[in-house]
Amino acid sequence: MIGIIFQFIGEFVEVRIDGTNVFFRANKSPMFADITGIKLDKGGVIKEFPDLQDKEDWKHQAQERFKMKIKELNTEEERVRFVIEDLIKFGYKPYAFQKAGFRPVKI
């Protein structure tokens, strides 16, 4: 299991990668949620996937594409790199890194 803590507009968001599962948690939330449990901004989704602009089920299709991309990657380290690169595009700044339950290390 690998955890990454991001800073975004004054709050922290934690991402945990455990095998092919990716979970998200904002600092205000006590529980982790997978991609289906988080809010997606339509503008950000359209920026990433322009073909979803006129689709009614844009949110579901974006979630499925994310899940498929995660499953295509071979290792947790590749998944970590993908998540970091993807979130940096939207203004998230990596803050700390945690591996296998050890103490988080600032990036």
C-alpha atoms as a PDB file:
ATOM      1  CA  MET A   1       0.000   0.000   0.000  1.00  0.00           C
ATOM      2  CA  ILE A   2       1.241   3.442  -0.931  1.00  0.00           C
ATOM      3  CA  GLY A   3      -0.233   6.731   0.260  1.00  0.00           C
ATOM      4  CA  ILE A   4       0.243  10.193  -1.192  1.00  0.00           C
ATOM      5  CA  ILE A   5      -0.890  13.389   0.481  1.00  0.00           C
ATOM      6  CA  PHE A   6      -1.668  16.348  -1.774  1.00  0.00           C
ATOM      7  CA  GLN A   7      -2.266  19.971  -0.873  1.00  0.00           C
ATOM      8  CA  PHE A   8      -5.083  21.678  -2.771  1.00  0.00           C
ATOM      9  CA  ILE A   9      -6.410  25.147  -1.984  1.00  0.00           C
ATOM     10  CA  GLY A  10      -5.671  25.079   1.726  1.00  0.00           C
ATOM     11  CA  GLU A  11      -6.782  21.528   2.381  1.00  0.00           C
ATOM     12  CA  PHE A  12      -5.167  18.131   2.169  1.00  0.00           C
ATOM     13  CA  VAL A  13      -6.310  15.210   0.056  1.00  0.00           C
ATOM     14  CA  GLU A  14      -4.987  11.727   0.704  1.00  0.00           C
ATOM     15  CA  VAL A  15      -4.769   9.086  -2.013  1.00  0.00           C
ATOM     16  CA  ARG A  16      -4.135   5.437  -1.163  1.00  0.00           C
ATOM     17  CA  ILE A  17      -3.109   2.911  -3.757  1.00  0.00           C
ATOM     18  CA  ASP A  18      -3.496  -0.707  -2.762  1.00  0.00           C
ATOM     19  CA  GLY A  19      -2.931  -3.015  -5.711  1.00  0.00           C
ATOM     20  CA  THR A  20      -5.379  -1.924  -8.415  1.00  0.00           C
ATOM     21  CA  ASN A  21      -7.586  -0.077  -5.923  1.00  0.00           C
ATOM     22  CA  VAL A  22      -7.295   3.693  -5.576  1.00  0.00           C
ATOM     23  CA  PHE A  23      -9.020   5.470  -2.690  1.00  0.00           C
ATOM     24  CA  PHE A  24      -9.407   9.199  -2.001  1.00  0.00           C
ATOM     25  CA  ARG A  25     -10.076  11.134   1.199  1.00  0.00           C
ATOM     26  CA  ALA A  26     -10.294  14.856   1.891  1.00  0.00           C
ATOM     27  CA  ASN A  27      -9.107  16.053   5.292  1.00  0.00           C
ATOM     28  CA  LYS A  28     -12.703  16.825   6.269  1.00  0.00           C
ATOM     29  CA  SER A  29     -13.895  13.302   5.545  1.00  0.00           C
ATOM     30  CA  PRO A  30     -13.345  10.448   8.007  1.00  0.00           C
ATOM     31  CA  MET A  31     -13.609   7.724   5.340  1.00  0.00           C
ATOM     32  CA  PHE A  32     -11.910   6.850   2.072  1.00  0.00           C
ATOM     33  CA  ALA A  33     -13.925   6.547  -1.149  1.00  0.00           C
ATOM     34  CA  ASP A  34     -13.103   5.116  -4.520  1.00  0.00           C
ATOM     35  CA  ILE A  35     -13.469   7.134  -7.721  1.00  0.00           C
ATOM     36  CA  THR A  36     -17.248   6.564  -7.721  1.00  0.00           C
ATOM     37  CA  GLY A  37     -17.577   8.303  -4.355  1.00  0.00           C
ATOM     38  CA  ILE A  38     -15.855  11.577  -5.183  1.00  0.00           C
ATOM     39  CA  LYS A  39     -17.131  14.693  -6.917  1.00  0.00           C
ATOM     40  CA  LEU A  40     -15.890  15.269 -10.440  1.00  0.00           C
ATOM     41  CA  ASP A  41     -15.801  18.664 -12.059  1.00  0.00           C
ATOM     42  CA  LYS A  42     -17.363  18.511 -15.523  1.00  0.00           C
ATOM     43  CA  GLY A  43     -14.922  21.132 -16.842  1.00  0.00           C
ATOM     44  CA  GLY A  44     -11.954  19.073 -15.698  1.00  0.00           C
ATOM     45  CA  VAL A  45     -13.391  15.891 -17.164  1.00  0.00           C
ATOM     46  CA  ILE A  46     -14.071  17.619 -20.513  1.00  0.00           C
ATOM     47  CA  LYS A  47     -10.517  18.988 -20.478  1.00  0.00           C
ATOM     48  CA  GLU A  48      -9.177  15.437 -20.098  1.00  0.00           C
ATOM     49  CA  PHE A  49     -11.772  13.700 -22.300  1.00  0.00           C
ATOM     50  CA  PRO A  50     -13.225  16.160 -24.861  1.00  0.00           C
ATOM     51  CA  ASP A  51     -15.414  13.450 -26.415  1.00  0.00           C
ATOM     52  CA  LEU A  52     -17.539  13.302 -23.226  1.00  0.00           C
ATOM     53  CA  GLN A  53     -18.778  16.898 -23.555  1.00  0.00           C
ATOM     54  CA  ASP A  54     -22.202  16.038 -24.997  1.00  0.00           C
ATOM     55  CA  LYS A  55     -22.702  12.730 -23.190  1.00  0.00           C
ATOM     56  CA  GLU A  56     -25.327  12.486 -20.466  1.00  0.00           C
ATOM     57  CA  ASP A  57     -23.379   9.848 -18.539  1.00  0.00           C
ATOM     58  CA  TRP A  58     -20.034  11.734 -18.703  1.00  0.00           C
ATOM     59  CA  LYS A  59     -19.308  11.135 -15.033  1.00  0.00           C
ATOM     60  CA  HIS A  60     -19.763   7.361 -15.217  1.00  0.00           C
ATOM     61  CA  GLN A  61     -17.682   7.090 -18.398  1.00  0.00           C
ATOM     62  CA  ALA A  62     -14.859   9.165 -16.873  1.00  0.00           C
ATOM     63  CA  GLN A  63     -14.853   6.925 -13.776  1.00  0.00           C
ATOM     64  CA  GLU A  64     -14.698   3.793 -15.923  1.00  0.00           C
ATOM     65  CA  ARG A  65     -11.814   5.200 -17.991  1.00  0.00           C
ATOM     66  CA  PHE A  66      -9.894   5.985 -14.797  1.00  0.00           C
ATOM     67  CA  LYS A  67     -10.440   2.447 -13.478  1.00  0.00           C
ATOM     68  CA  MET A  68      -9.336   0.901 -16.790  1.00  0.00           C
ATOM     69  CA  LYS A  69      -6.193   3.050 -16.896  1.00  0.00           C
ATOM     70  CA  ILE A  70      -5.270   2.020 -13.341  1.00  0.00           C
ATOM     71  CA  LYS A  71      -5.742  -1.672 -14.195  1.00  0.00           C
ATOM     72  CA  GLU A  72      -3.539  -1.314 -17.304  1.00  0.00           C
ATOM     73  CA  LEU A  73      -0.569  -0.200 -15.206  1.00  0.00           C
ATOM     74  CA  ASN A  74       1.580  -3.056 -13.913  1.00  0.00           C
ATOM     75  CA  THR A  75       2.880  -1.938 -10.503  1.00  0.00           C
ATOM     76  CA  GLU A  76       1.816   0.266  -7.620  1.00  0.00           C
ATOM     77  CA  GLU A  77       4.743   2.590  -8.393  1.00  0.00           C
ATOM     78  CA  GLU A  78       3.447   3.112 -11.946  1.00  0.00           C
ATOM     79  CA  ARG A  79      -0.003   3.833 -10.533  1.00  0.00           C
ATOM     80  CA  VAL A  80       1.493   6.336  -8.087  1.00  0.00           C
ATOM     81  CA  ARG A  81       3.297   8.152 -10.913  1.00  0.00           C
ATOM     82  CA  PHE A  82       0.098   8.229 -12.976  1.00  0.00           C
ATOM     83  CA  VAL A  83      -2.002   9.626 -10.094  1.00  0.00           C
ATOM     84  CA  ILE A  84       0.617  12.268  -9.244  1.00  0.00           C
ATOM     85  CA  GLU A  85       0.986  13.384 -12.875  1.00  0.00           C
ATOM     86  CA  ASP A  86      -2.782  13.432 -13.336  1.00  0.00           C
ATOM     87  CA  LEU A  87      -3.547  15.455 -10.198  1.00  0.00           C
ATOM     88  CA  ILE A  88      -0.708  17.944 -10.763  1.00  0.00           C
ATOM     89  CA  LYS A  89      -2.460  18.966 -14.000  1.00  0.00           C
ATOM     90  CA  PHE A  90      -5.430  20.109 -11.918  1.00  0.00           C
ATOM     91  CA  GLY A  91      -3.464  22.118  -9.346  1.00  0.00           C
ATOM     92  CA  TYR A  92      -2.789  19.496  -6.660  1.00  0.00           C
ATOM     93  CA  LYS A  93       0.682  19.697  -5.115  1.00  0.00           C
ATOM     94  CA  PRO A  94       2.277  16.515  -3.738  1.00  0.00           C
ATOM     95  CA  TYR A  95       3.007  17.103  -0.060  1.00  0.00           C
ATOM     96  CA  ALA A  96       3.987  13.757   1.489  1.00  0.00           C
ATOM     97  CA  PHE A  97       4.541  10.127   0.571  1.00  0.00           C
ATOM     98  CA  GLN A  98       3.892   7.057   2.720  1.00  0.00           C
ATOM     99  CA  LYS A  99       4.755   3.458   1.892  1.00  0.00           C
ATOM    100  CA  ALA A 100       3.579   0.284   3.651  1.00  0.00           C
ATOM    101  CA  GLY A 101       2.209   2.112   6.699  1.00  0.00           C
ATOM    102  CA  PHE A 102       5.479   3.806   7.628  1.00  0.00           C
ATOM    103  CA  ARG A 103       5.603   7.420   8.710  1.00  0.00           C
ATOM    104  CA  PRO A 104       4.836   9.911   5.890  1.00  0.00           C
ATOM    105  CA  VAL A 105       7.869  11.638   4.367  1.00  0.00           C
ATOM    106  CA  LYS A 106       7.537  15.176   3.024  1.00  0.00           C
ATOM    107  CA  ILE A 107       8.198  15.530  -0.670  1.00  0.00           C
END
